[in-house]
Amino acid sequence: MRWLFLFVMLCSSAAFAETSLWRVSKGDHSLFIGGTIHVLRETDYPLPAAFDKAFAAATTLIFETDVAATEDPVFAQQMMQRLMYTDGRSLQDGLSPAVYRQLEKFCAERGVPIVMFQQMRPPAAALTLMMMELQRLGISNAGVDSHYYQRAQAEHKIIGELETPAEQLEFLAGLGEGREDDFVRYSLKDMQQLETVMRDLTEAWRTGDQAKMAQLSLDELRREFPLIYRQLLVERNNNWVPRIEALLNDPATELVLVGALHLVGNEGVLALLRQRGYKIEQW
């Protein structure tokens, strides 16, 4: 399930080669929308120059949610409470014996004691293990969102968000519910090729290759987990578009930064805005 690697992930020339950044406009009103990867390697910096150009032009930065709140230890504690069993069950109870053995084997190969996950619900265990694997591969530096959030703070730009931390917590808590075996099995399969997947995703993101991003991540999610696809992407995209339209009626120039998969496909934010008559130009 390669889509997971965007929740948890060549400097452009002066001509600003195409990347995952778009200008959205109608009449005299416009803003920038950039697709992001949430974790990167140190060598992925500097970021494409078009992002810096849009950042310099913007007076306001809009993120998926309140970045400061989600980095607060209180939020992490609330998230773990929602993602852990509180009724006496354990990770082993939440998986079939066969899938639990697969998870146990992977943990043993990585030298990670599976006991540390026993109180976690299966999706939480898979996501935690994935973050550990990213760190092992050196893919743990701040992503695009965090980079520009820190810069926006330093330069005293206005900062806003499209949804609340509580809303993010709700959809995270519901990930994989009812299909825990499938969620863990697909996660383990892709963790085996995580380094290659992240390299290909980052390359597709840098060049703004939406078809490649869909092939790597979106198509599998939509096919294998249609409910999660709708909850994680489609419903949130539809919730965000009216908020983005309100920003377009504001004379200020905004830079909206959201996970790259939110901009991909016929149900992505860009397609929804295009259907409403907005002009979409890739930078």
C-alpha atoms as a PDB file:
ATOM      1  CA  MET A   1       0.000   0.000   0.000  1.00  0.00           C
ATOM      2  CA  ARG A   2       2.367   2.638  -1.262  1.00  0.00           C
ATOM      3  CA  TRP A   3      -0.091   5.459  -0.431  1.00  0.00           C
ATOM      4  CA  LEU A   4       1.006   5.106   3.168  1.00  0.00           C
ATOM      5  CA  PHE A   5       4.435   6.488   2.360  1.00  0.00           C
ATOM      6  CA  LEU A   6       2.971   9.897   1.609  1.00  0.00           C
ATOM      7  CA  PHE A   7       1.305  10.167   5.115  1.00  0.00           C
ATOM      8  CA  VAL A   8       4.009   9.393   7.268  1.00  0.00           C
ATOM      9  CA  MET A   9       7.814  11.678   2.146  1.00  0.00           C
ATOM     10  CA  LEU A  10      17.636  18.120  -8.482  1.00  0.00           C
ATOM     11  CA  CYS A  11      17.130  21.705  -7.755  1.00  0.00           C
ATOM     12  CA  SER A  12      15.025  23.256 -10.532  1.00  0.00           C
ATOM     13  CA  SER A  13      16.688  25.516 -13.034  1.00  0.00           C
ATOM     14  CA  ALA A  14      15.955  29.209 -13.387  1.00  0.00           C
ATOM     15  CA  ALA A  15      13.289  28.271 -15.914  1.00  0.00           C
ATOM     16  CA  PHE A  16      11.333  26.501 -13.138  1.00  0.00           C
ATOM     17  CA  ALA A  17      10.832  23.031 -14.549  1.00  0.00           C
ATOM     18  CA  GLU A  18       7.424  21.502 -13.929  1.00  0.00           C
ATOM     19  CA  THR A  19       6.948  20.163 -10.431  1.00  0.00           C
ATOM     20  CA  SER A  20       4.066  19.394  -8.038  1.00  0.00           C
ATOM     21  CA  LEU A  21       3.021  23.031  -7.795  1.00  0.00           C
ATOM     22  CA  TRP A  22       0.078  24.706  -9.507  1.00  0.00           C
ATOM     23  CA  ARG A  23      -1.343  28.216  -9.851  1.00  0.00           C
ATOM     24  CA  VAL A  24      -5.137  28.307  -9.529  1.00  0.00           C
ATOM     25  CA  SER A  25      -6.926  31.386 -10.813  1.00  0.00           C
ATOM     26  CA  LYS A  26     -10.200  32.911 -11.938  1.00  0.00           C
ATOM     27  CA  GLY A  27     -10.257  36.530 -13.072  1.00  0.00           C
ATOM     28  CA  ASP A  28      -7.990  38.637 -10.878  1.00  0.00           C
ATOM     29  CA  HIS A  29      -7.876  36.128  -8.022  1.00  0.00           C
ATOM     30  CA  SER A  30      -5.268  33.399  -7.692  1.00  0.00           C
ATOM     31  CA  LEU A  31      -3.365  31.201  -5.266  1.00  0.00           C
ATOM     32  CA  PHE A  32      -0.760  28.445  -5.363  1.00  0.00           C
ATOM     33  CA  ILE A  33      -1.370  24.803  -4.456  1.00  0.00           C
ATOM     34  CA  GLY A  34       1.580  22.502  -3.840  1.00  0.00           C
ATOM     35  CA  GLY A  35       1.597  18.746  -3.363  1.00  0.00           C
ATOM     36  CA  THR A  36       3.917  17.598  -0.599  1.00  0.00           C
ATOM     37  CA  ILE A  37       5.820  14.595   0.696  1.00  0.00           C
ATOM     38  CA  HIS A  38       5.830  14.419   4.481  1.00  0.00           C
ATOM     39  CA  VAL A  39       9.256  12.812   5.034  1.00  0.00           C
ATOM     40  CA  LEU A  40      12.400  13.265   2.950  1.00  0.00           C
ATOM     41  CA  ARG A  41      16.092  12.411   2.866  1.00  0.00           C
ATOM     42  CA  GLU A  42      18.672  15.051   3.652  1.00  0.00           C
ATOM     43  CA  THR A  43      19.780  14.724   0.021  1.00  0.00           C
ATOM     44  CA  ASP A  44      16.277  15.689  -1.199  1.00  0.00           C
ATOM     45  CA  TYR A  45      17.106  19.271  -0.278  1.00  0.00           C
ATOM     46  CA  PRO A  46      17.074  21.871  -1.713  1.00  0.00           C
ATOM     47  CA  LEU A  47      13.443  21.558  -2.766  1.00  0.00           C
ATOM     48  CA  PRO A  48      12.295  22.505  -6.280  1.00  0.00           C
ATOM     49  CA  ALA A  49      12.836  26.225  -6.835  1.00  0.00           C
ATOM     50  CA  ALA A  50       9.226  26.802  -7.903  1.00  0.00           C
ATOM     51  CA  PHE A  51       8.133  26.142  -4.304  1.00  0.00           C
ATOM     52  CA  ASP A  52      10.461  28.847  -3.028  1.00  0.00           C
ATOM     53  CA  LYS A  53       9.156  31.264  -5.650  1.00  0.00           C
ATOM     54  CA  ALA A  54       5.544  30.593  -4.617  1.00  0.00           C
ATOM     55  CA  PHE A  55       6.485  30.890  -0.939  1.00  0.00           C
ATOM     56  CA  ALA A  56       8.095  34.279  -1.574  1.00  0.00           C
ATOM     57  CA  ALA A  57       4.979  35.516  -3.410  1.00  0.00           C
ATOM     58  CA  ALA A  58       2.550  34.304  -0.730  1.00  0.00           C
ATOM     59  CA  THR A  59       1.487  36.306   2.299  1.00  0.00           C
ATOM     60  CA  THR A  60      -0.380  33.320   3.783  1.00  0.00           C
ATOM     61  CA  LEU A  61       0.512  29.623   4.130  1.00  0.00           C
ATOM     62  CA  ILE A  62      -2.346  27.109   4.410  1.00  0.00           C
ATOM     63  CA  PHE A  63      -1.583  23.554   5.599  1.00  0.00           C
ATOM     64  CA  GLU A  64      -3.759  20.453   5.927  1.00  0.00           C
ATOM     65  CA  THR A  65      -4.038  21.059   9.649  1.00  0.00           C
ATOM     66  CA  ASP A  66      -2.479  22.983  12.533  1.00  0.00           C
ATOM     67  CA  VAL A  67       1.152  21.824  12.284  1.00  0.00           C
ATOM     68  CA  ALA A  68       2.116  23.144  15.719  1.00  0.00           C
ATOM     69  CA  ALA A  69      -0.785  21.331  17.372  1.00  0.00           C
ATOM     70  CA  THR A  70       0.039  18.006  15.714  1.00  0.00           C
ATOM     71  CA  GLU A  71       3.665  18.306  16.830  1.00  0.00           C
ATOM     72  CA  ASP A  72       2.579  18.883  20.425  1.00  0.00           C
ATOM     73  CA  PRO A  73       3.170  15.860  22.731  1.00  0.00           C
ATOM     74  CA  VAL A  74      -0.456  16.152  23.854  1.00  0.00           C
ATOM     75  CA  PHE A  75      -1.653  15.383  20.312  1.00  0.00           C
ATOM     76  CA  ALA A  76       0.698  12.401  20.098  1.00  0.00           C
ATOM     77  CA  GLN A  77      -0.693  11.120  23.382  1.00  0.00           C
ATOM     78  CA  GLN A  78      -4.295  11.542  22.181  1.00  0.00           C
ATOM     79  CA  MET A  79      -3.464   9.760  18.935  1.00  0.00           C
ATOM     80  CA  MET A  80      -1.868   6.812  20.672  1.00  0.00           C
ATOM     81  CA  GLN A  81      -4.849   6.519  23.017  1.00  0.00           C
ATOM     82  CA  ARG A  82      -7.139   6.249  19.991  1.00  0.00           C
ATOM     83  CA  LEU A  83      -4.868   3.776  18.238  1.00  0.00           C
ATOM     84  CA  MET A  84      -4.344   1.420  21.183  1.00  0.00           C
ATOM     85  CA  TYR A  85      -6.547  -1.275  22.662  1.00  0.00           C
ATOM     86  CA  THR A  86      -8.210  -0.341  25.929  1.00  0.00           C
ATOM     87  CA  ASP A  87     -10.488  -3.376  26.304  1.00  0.00           C
ATOM     88  CA  GLY A  88      -7.939  -6.048  27.181  1.00  0.00           C
ATOM     89  CA  ARG A  89      -7.326  -7.169  23.600  1.00  0.00           C
ATOM     90  CA  SER A  90      -3.873  -7.212  22.021  1.00  0.00           C
ATOM     91  CA  LEU A  91      -2.303  -6.949  18.594  1.00  0.00           C
ATOM     92  CA  GLN A  92      -2.297 -10.723  18.327  1.00  0.00           C
ATOM     93  CA  ASP A  93      -6.051 -10.781  18.965  1.00  0.00           C
ATOM     94  CA  GLY A  94      -6.621  -8.300  16.134  1.00  0.00           C
ATOM     95  CA  LEU A  95      -4.915 -10.383  13.437  1.00  0.00           C
ATOM     96  CA  SER A  96      -5.298 -13.851  12.025  1.00  0.00           C
ATOM     97  CA  PRO A  97      -2.558 -16.296  13.136  1.00  0.00           C
ATOM     98  CA  ALA A  98      -1.037 -16.315   9.625  1.00  0.00           C
ATOM     99  CA  VAL A  99      -0.730 -12.527   9.326  1.00  0.00           C
ATOM    100  CA  TYR A 100       0.507 -12.210  12.898  1.00  0.00           C
ATOM    101  CA  ARG A 101       3.289 -14.688  12.043  1.00  0.00           C
ATOM    102  CA  GLN A 102       4.220 -12.596   8.998  1.00  0.00           C
ATOM    103  CA  LEU A 103       4.442  -9.498  11.187  1.00  0.00           C
ATOM    104  CA  GLU A 104       6.423 -11.391  13.820  1.00  0.00           C
ATOM    105  CA  LYS A 105       8.876 -12.617  11.170  1.00  0.00           C
ATOM    106  CA  PHE A 106       9.426  -9.114   9.770  1.00  0.00           C
ATOM    107  CA  CYS A 107      10.028  -7.723  13.255  1.00  0.00           C
ATOM    108  CA  ALA A 108      12.547 -10.488  13.993  1.00  0.00           C
ATOM    109  CA  GLU A 109      14.405  -9.702  10.741  1.00  0.00           C
ATOM    110  CA  ARG A 110      14.665  -6.069  11.780  1.00  0.00           C
ATOM    111  CA  GLY A 111      15.641  -6.870  15.360  1.00  0.00           C
ATOM    112  CA  VAL A 112      12.482  -5.219  16.692  1.00  0.00           C
ATOM    113  CA  PRO A 113      10.707  -7.008  19.563  1.00  0.00           C
ATOM    114  CA  ILE A 114       7.086  -7.473  18.560  1.00  0.00           C
ATOM    115  CA  VAL A 115       6.072  -7.149  22.197  1.00  0.00           C
ATOM    116  CA  MET A 116       6.461  -3.368  21.876  1.00  0.00           C
ATOM    117  CA  PHE A 117       3.407  -3.344  19.567  1.00  0.00           C
ATOM    118  CA  GLN A 118       1.137  -5.641  21.584  1.00  0.00           C
ATOM    119  CA  GLN A 119      -1.168  -2.909  22.903  1.00  0.00           C
ATOM    120  CA  MET A 120      -1.510  -1.277  19.469  1.00  0.00           C
ATOM    121  CA  ARG A 121      -4.308  -1.865  17.017  1.00  0.00           C
ATOM    122  CA  PRO A 122      -2.939  -3.496  13.827  1.00  0.00           C
ATOM    123  CA  PRO A 123      -2.921  -0.339  11.632  1.00  0.00           C
ATOM    124  CA  ALA A 124      -1.065   1.585  14.357  1.00  0.00           C
ATOM    125  CA  ALA A 125       1.519  -1.192  14.639  1.00  0.00           C
ATOM    126  CA  ALA A 126       2.019  -1.207  10.855  1.00  0.00           C
ATOM    127  CA  LEU A 127       2.382   2.591  10.675  1.00  0.00           C
ATOM    128  CA  THR A 128       4.807   2.668  13.611  1.00  0.00           C
ATOM    129  CA  LEU A 129       6.910  -0.089  12.064  1.00  0.00           C
ATOM    130  CA  MET A 130       6.902   1.786   8.778  1.00  0.00           C
ATOM    131  CA  MET A 131       8.210   4.961  10.417  1.00  0.00           C
ATOM    132  CA  MET A 132      10.976   2.890  12.009  1.00  0.00           C
ATOM    133  CA  GLU A 133      11.819   1.450   8.596  1.00  0.00           C
ATOM    134  CA  LEU A 134      11.946   4.946   7.064  1.00  0.00           C
ATOM    135  CA  GLN A 135      14.342   6.020   9.807  1.00  0.00           C
ATOM    136  CA  ARG A 136      16.496   2.941   9.176  1.00  0.00           C
ATOM    137  CA  LEU A 137      16.751   3.982   5.526  1.00  0.00           C
ATOM    138  CA  GLY A 138      17.589   7.584   6.404  1.00  0.00           C
ATOM    139  CA  ILE A 139      14.239   8.884   5.160  1.00  0.00           C
ATOM    140  CA  SER A 140      13.321  10.782   8.285  1.00  0.00           C
ATOM    141  CA  ASN A 141      14.107  14.435   7.634  1.00  0.00           C
ATOM    142  CA  ALA A 142      11.428  17.078   7.816  1.00  0.00           C
ATOM    143  CA  GLY A 143       9.170  17.008   4.782  1.00  0.00           C
ATOM    144  CA  VAL A 144       7.874  19.841   2.617  1.00  0.00           C
ATOM    145  CA  ASP A 145       5.120  20.849   5.049  1.00  0.00           C
ATOM    146  CA  SER A 146       7.377  21.156   8.078  1.00  0.00           C
ATOM    147  CA  HIS A 147      10.061  22.972   6.068  1.00  0.00           C
ATOM    148  CA  TYR A 148       7.714  25.712   4.922  1.00  0.00           C
ATOM    149  CA  TYR A 149       5.874  25.895   8.223  1.00  0.00           C
ATOM    150  CA  GLN A 150       9.133  26.748   9.975  1.00  0.00           C
ATOM    151  CA  ARG A 151       9.994  29.308   7.310  1.00  0.00           C
ATOM    152  CA  ALA A 152       6.522  30.865   7.507  1.00  0.00           C
ATOM    153  CA  GLN A 153       6.917  31.248  11.255  1.00  0.00           C
ATOM    154  CA  ALA A 154      10.378  32.783  10.883  1.00  0.00           C
ATOM    155  CA  GLU A 155       9.137  35.263   8.279  1.00  0.00           C
ATOM    156  CA  HIS A 156       5.945  36.069  10.204  1.00  0.00           C
ATOM    157  CA  LYS A 157       3.584  34.991   7.437  1.00  0.00           C
ATOM    158  CA  ILE A 158      -0.047  34.282   8.214  1.00  0.00           C
ATOM    159  CA  ILE A 159      -0.654  30.556   8.805  1.00  0.00           C
ATOM    160  CA  GLY A 160      -3.935  28.682   8.445  1.00  0.00           C
ATOM    161  CA  GLU A 161      -5.281  25.167   7.949  1.00  0.00           C
ATOM    162  CA  LEU A 162      -7.970  23.260   6.040  1.00  0.00           C
ATOM    163  CA  GLU A 163      -9.039  20.963   8.888  1.00  0.00           C
ATOM    164  CA  THR A 164      -8.623  20.647  12.623  1.00  0.00           C
ATOM    165  CA  PRO A 165      -6.247  18.236  14.393  1.00  0.00           C
ATOM    166  CA  ALA A 166      -9.326  16.524  15.832  1.00  0.00           C
ATOM    167  CA  GLU A 167     -10.581  15.819  12.307  1.00  0.00           C
ATOM    168  CA  GLN A 168      -7.212  14.336  11.352  1.00  0.00           C
ATOM    169  CA  LEU A 169      -7.250  12.206  14.482  1.00  0.00           C
ATOM    170  CA  GLU A 170     -10.655  10.790  13.579  1.00  0.00           C
ATOM    171  CA  PHE A 171      -9.674   9.508  10.160  1.00  0.00           C
ATOM    172  CA  LEU A 172      -6.361   8.128  11.456  1.00  0.00           C
ATOM    173  CA  ALA A 173      -8.253   6.220  14.135  1.00  0.00           C
ATOM    174  CA  GLY A 174     -10.478   4.618  11.501  1.00  0.00           C
ATOM    175  CA  LEU A 175      -7.771   3.491   9.083  1.00  0.00           C
ATOM    176  CA  GLY A 176      -8.030  -0.171   8.164  1.00  0.00           C
ATOM    177  CA  GLU A 177     -10.943  -0.854  10.501  1.00  0.00           C
ATOM    178  CA  GLY A 178     -12.531  -4.168   9.579  1.00  0.00           C
ATOM    179  CA  ARG A 179      -9.680  -5.124   7.209  1.00  0.00           C
ATOM    180  CA  GLU A 180      -6.797  -5.320   9.627  1.00  0.00           C
ATOM    181  CA  ASP A 181      -5.259  -8.426   8.048  1.00  0.00           C
ATOM    182  CA  ASP A 182      -5.198  -6.832   4.590  1.00  0.00           C
ATOM    183  CA  PHE A 183      -3.833  -3.554   5.946  1.00  0.00           C
ATOM    184  CA  VAL A 184      -0.910  -5.252   7.692  1.00  0.00           C
ATOM    185  CA  ARG A 185      -0.215  -7.718   4.875  1.00  0.00           C
ATOM    186  CA  TYR A 186      -0.014  -4.994   2.209  1.00  0.00           C
ATOM    187  CA  SER A 187       2.070  -2.805   4.491  1.00  0.00           C
ATOM    188  CA  LEU A 188       4.585  -5.582   5.063  1.00  0.00           C
ATOM    189  CA  LYS A 189       4.785  -6.305   1.341  1.00  0.00           C
ATOM    190  CA  ASP A 190       5.640  -2.723   0.497  1.00  0.00           C
ATOM    191  CA  MET A 191       8.017  -2.255   3.416  1.00  0.00           C
ATOM    192  CA  GLN A 192      10.166  -4.876   1.717  1.00  0.00           C
ATOM    193  CA  GLN A 193      10.654  -2.459  -1.198  1.00  0.00           C
ATOM    194  CA  LEU A 194      10.309   0.807   0.688  1.00  0.00           C
ATOM    195  CA  GLU A 195      13.581   2.354  -0.475  1.00  0.00           C
ATOM    196  CA  THR A 196      12.707   1.891  -4.160  1.00  0.00           C
ATOM    197  CA  VAL A 197       9.141   3.081  -3.657  1.00  0.00           C
ATOM    198  CA  MET A 198      10.214   6.269  -1.893  1.00  0.00           C
ATOM    199  CA  ARG A 199      12.820   7.002  -4.565  1.00  0.00           C
ATOM    200  CA  ASP A 200      10.246   6.617  -7.345  1.00  0.00           C
ATOM    201  CA  LEU A 201       7.605   8.636  -5.487  1.00  0.00           C
ATOM    202  CA  THR A 202       9.992  11.472  -4.763  1.00  0.00           C
ATOM    203  CA  GLU A 203      11.108  11.569  -8.392  1.00  0.00           C
ATOM    204  CA  ALA A 204       7.491  11.648  -9.606  1.00  0.00           C
ATOM    205  CA  TRP A 205       6.707  14.382  -7.071  1.00  0.00           C
ATOM    206  CA  ARG A 206       9.662  16.504  -8.182  1.00  0.00           C
ATOM    207  CA  THR A 207       8.561  16.405 -11.808  1.00  0.00           C
ATOM    208  CA  GLY A 208       4.851  16.755 -11.080  1.00  0.00           C
ATOM    209  CA  ASP A 209       4.168  13.420 -12.793  1.00  0.00           C
ATOM    210  CA  GLN A 210       0.640  12.777 -11.548  1.00  0.00           C
ATOM    211  CA  ALA A 211       0.161   9.689 -13.702  1.00  0.00           C
ATOM    212  CA  LYS A 212       3.239   8.088 -12.137  1.00  0.00           C
ATOM    213  CA  MET A 213       2.114   8.993  -8.605  1.00  0.00           C
ATOM    214  CA  ALA A 214      -1.282   7.464  -9.325  1.00  0.00           C
ATOM    215  CA  GLN A 215       0.361   4.306 -10.643  1.00  0.00           C
ATOM    216  CA  LEU A 216       2.643   4.012  -7.605  1.00  0.00           C
ATOM    217  CA  SER A 217       0.070   4.765  -4.924  1.00  0.00           C
ATOM    218  CA  LEU A 218      -3.422   5.895  -5.788  1.00  0.00           C
ATOM    219  CA  ASP A 219      -4.543   3.059  -8.066  1.00  0.00           C
ATOM    220  CA  GLU A 220      -3.763   0.360  -5.498  1.00  0.00           C
ATOM    221  CA  LEU A 221      -5.483   2.249  -2.700  1.00  0.00           C
ATOM    222  CA  ARG A 222      -8.625   2.798  -4.754  1.00  0.00           C
ATOM    223  CA  ARG A 223      -8.719  -0.846  -5.861  1.00  0.00           C
ATOM    224  CA  GLU A 224      -7.798  -2.612  -2.629  1.00  0.00           C
ATOM    225  CA  PHE A 225      -9.238  -0.218  -0.029  1.00  0.00           C
ATOM    226  CA  PRO A 226     -12.092   1.771  -1.630  1.00  0.00           C
ATOM    227  CA  LEU A 227     -13.507   2.810   1.749  1.00  0.00           C
ATOM    228  CA  ILE A 228     -10.168   4.151   2.993  1.00  0.00           C
ATOM    229  CA  TYR A 229      -9.660   5.831  -0.390  1.00  0.00           C
ATOM    230  CA  ARG A 230     -12.941   7.696   0.061  1.00  0.00           C
ATOM    231  CA  GLN A 231     -12.350   8.549   3.724  1.00  0.00           C
ATOM    232  CA  LEU A 232      -8.698   9.502   3.389  1.00  0.00           C
ATOM    233  CA  LEU A 233      -8.851  11.377   0.102  1.00  0.00           C
ATOM    234  CA  VAL A 234     -12.204  11.895  -1.617  1.00  0.00           C
ATOM    235  CA  GLU A 235     -14.261  13.092   1.363  1.00  0.00           C
ATOM    236  CA  ARG A 236     -11.500  15.379   2.585  1.00  0.00           C
ATOM    237  CA  ASN A 237     -10.906  16.760  -0.916  1.00  0.00           C
ATOM    238  CA  ASN A 238     -14.590  17.656  -1.164  1.00  0.00           C
ATOM    239  CA  ASN A 239     -14.472  19.271   2.280  1.00  0.00           C
ATOM    240  CA  TRP A 240     -11.422  21.332   1.361  1.00  0.00           C
ATOM    241  CA  VAL A 241     -12.562  22.731  -1.987  1.00  0.00           C
ATOM    242  CA  PRO A 242     -15.117  25.235  -0.587  1.00  0.00           C
ATOM    243  CA  ARG A 243     -12.467  26.455   1.865  1.00  0.00           C
ATOM    244  CA  ILE A 244      -9.989  26.885  -0.982  1.00  0.00           C
ATOM    245  CA  GLU A 245     -12.612  28.737  -3.018  1.00  0.00           C
ATOM    246  CA  ALA A 246     -13.100  31.129  -0.099  1.00  0.00           C
ATOM    247  CA  LEU A 247      -9.350  31.802  -0.137  1.00  0.00           C
ATOM    248  CA  LEU A 248      -9.584  32.612  -3.856  1.00  0.00           C
ATOM    249  CA  ASN A 249     -12.043  35.387  -3.042  1.00  0.00           C
ATOM    250  CA  ASP A 250      -9.482  36.953  -0.728  1.00  0.00           C
ATOM    251  CA  PRO A 251      -7.144  39.585  -2.211  1.00  0.00           C
ATOM    252  CA  ALA A 252      -4.159  38.003  -0.416  1.00  0.00           C
ATOM    253  CA  THR A 253      -1.920  35.469  -2.164  1.00  0.00           C
ATOM    254  CA  GLU A 254      -1.943  32.059  -0.483  1.00  0.00           C
ATOM    255  CA  LEU A 255       0.245  28.981  -0.824  1.00  0.00           C
ATOM    256  CA  VAL A 256      -1.788  25.863   0.044  1.00  0.00           C
ATOM    257  CA  LEU A 257       0.303  22.774   0.866  1.00  0.00           C
ATOM    258  CA  VAL A 258      -1.351  19.331   1.040  1.00  0.00           C
ATOM    259  CA  GLY A 259      -0.230  15.736   0.578  1.00  0.00           C
ATOM    260  CA  ALA A 260       0.561  15.123  -3.097  1.00  0.00           C
ATOM    261  CA  LEU A 261      -2.089  12.410  -3.568  1.00  0.00           C
ATOM    262  CA  HIS A 262      -4.842  14.917  -2.744  1.00  0.00           C
ATOM    263  CA  LEU A 263      -4.070  16.617  -6.058  1.00  0.00           C
ATOM    264  CA  VAL A 264      -4.051  13.484  -8.219  1.00  0.00           C
ATOM    265  CA  GLY A 265      -6.858  11.957 -10.279  1.00  0.00           C
ATOM    266  CA  ASN A 266     -10.398  12.830 -11.294  1.00  0.00           C
ATOM    267  CA  GLU A 267     -11.485  13.193  -7.659  1.00  0.00           C
ATOM    268  CA  GLY A 268      -8.457  15.236  -6.614  1.00  0.00           C
ATOM    269  CA  VAL A 269      -8.544  18.861  -5.509  1.00  0.00           C
ATOM    270  CA  LEU A 270      -7.229  20.193  -8.818  1.00  0.00           C
ATOM    271  CA  ALA A 271      -9.854  18.319 -10.856  1.00  0.00           C
ATOM    272  CA  LEU A 272     -12.624  19.532  -8.539  1.00  0.00           C
ATOM    273  CA  LEU A 273     -11.463  23.138  -8.896  1.00  0.00           C
ATOM    274  CA  ARG A 274     -11.179  22.770 -12.673  1.00  0.00           C
ATOM    275  CA  GLN A 275     -14.784  21.520 -12.755  1.00  0.00           C
ATOM    276  CA  ARG A 276     -15.793  24.733 -10.982  1.00  0.00           C
ATOM    277  CA  GLY A 277     -14.279  26.857 -13.712  1.00  0.00           C
ATOM    278  CA  TYR A 278     -10.888  27.667 -12.258  1.00  0.00           C
ATOM    279  CA  LYS A 279      -7.802  27.822 -14.448  1.00  0.00           C
ATOM    280  CA  ILE A 280      -5.084  25.366 -13.351  1.00  0.00           C
ATOM    281  CA  GLU A 281      -1.506  25.976 -14.491  1.00  0.00           C
ATOM    282  CA  GLN A 282       1.377  23.706 -13.562  1.00  0.00           C
ATOM    283  CA  TRP A 283       4.565  25.567 -12.625  1.00  0.00           C
END
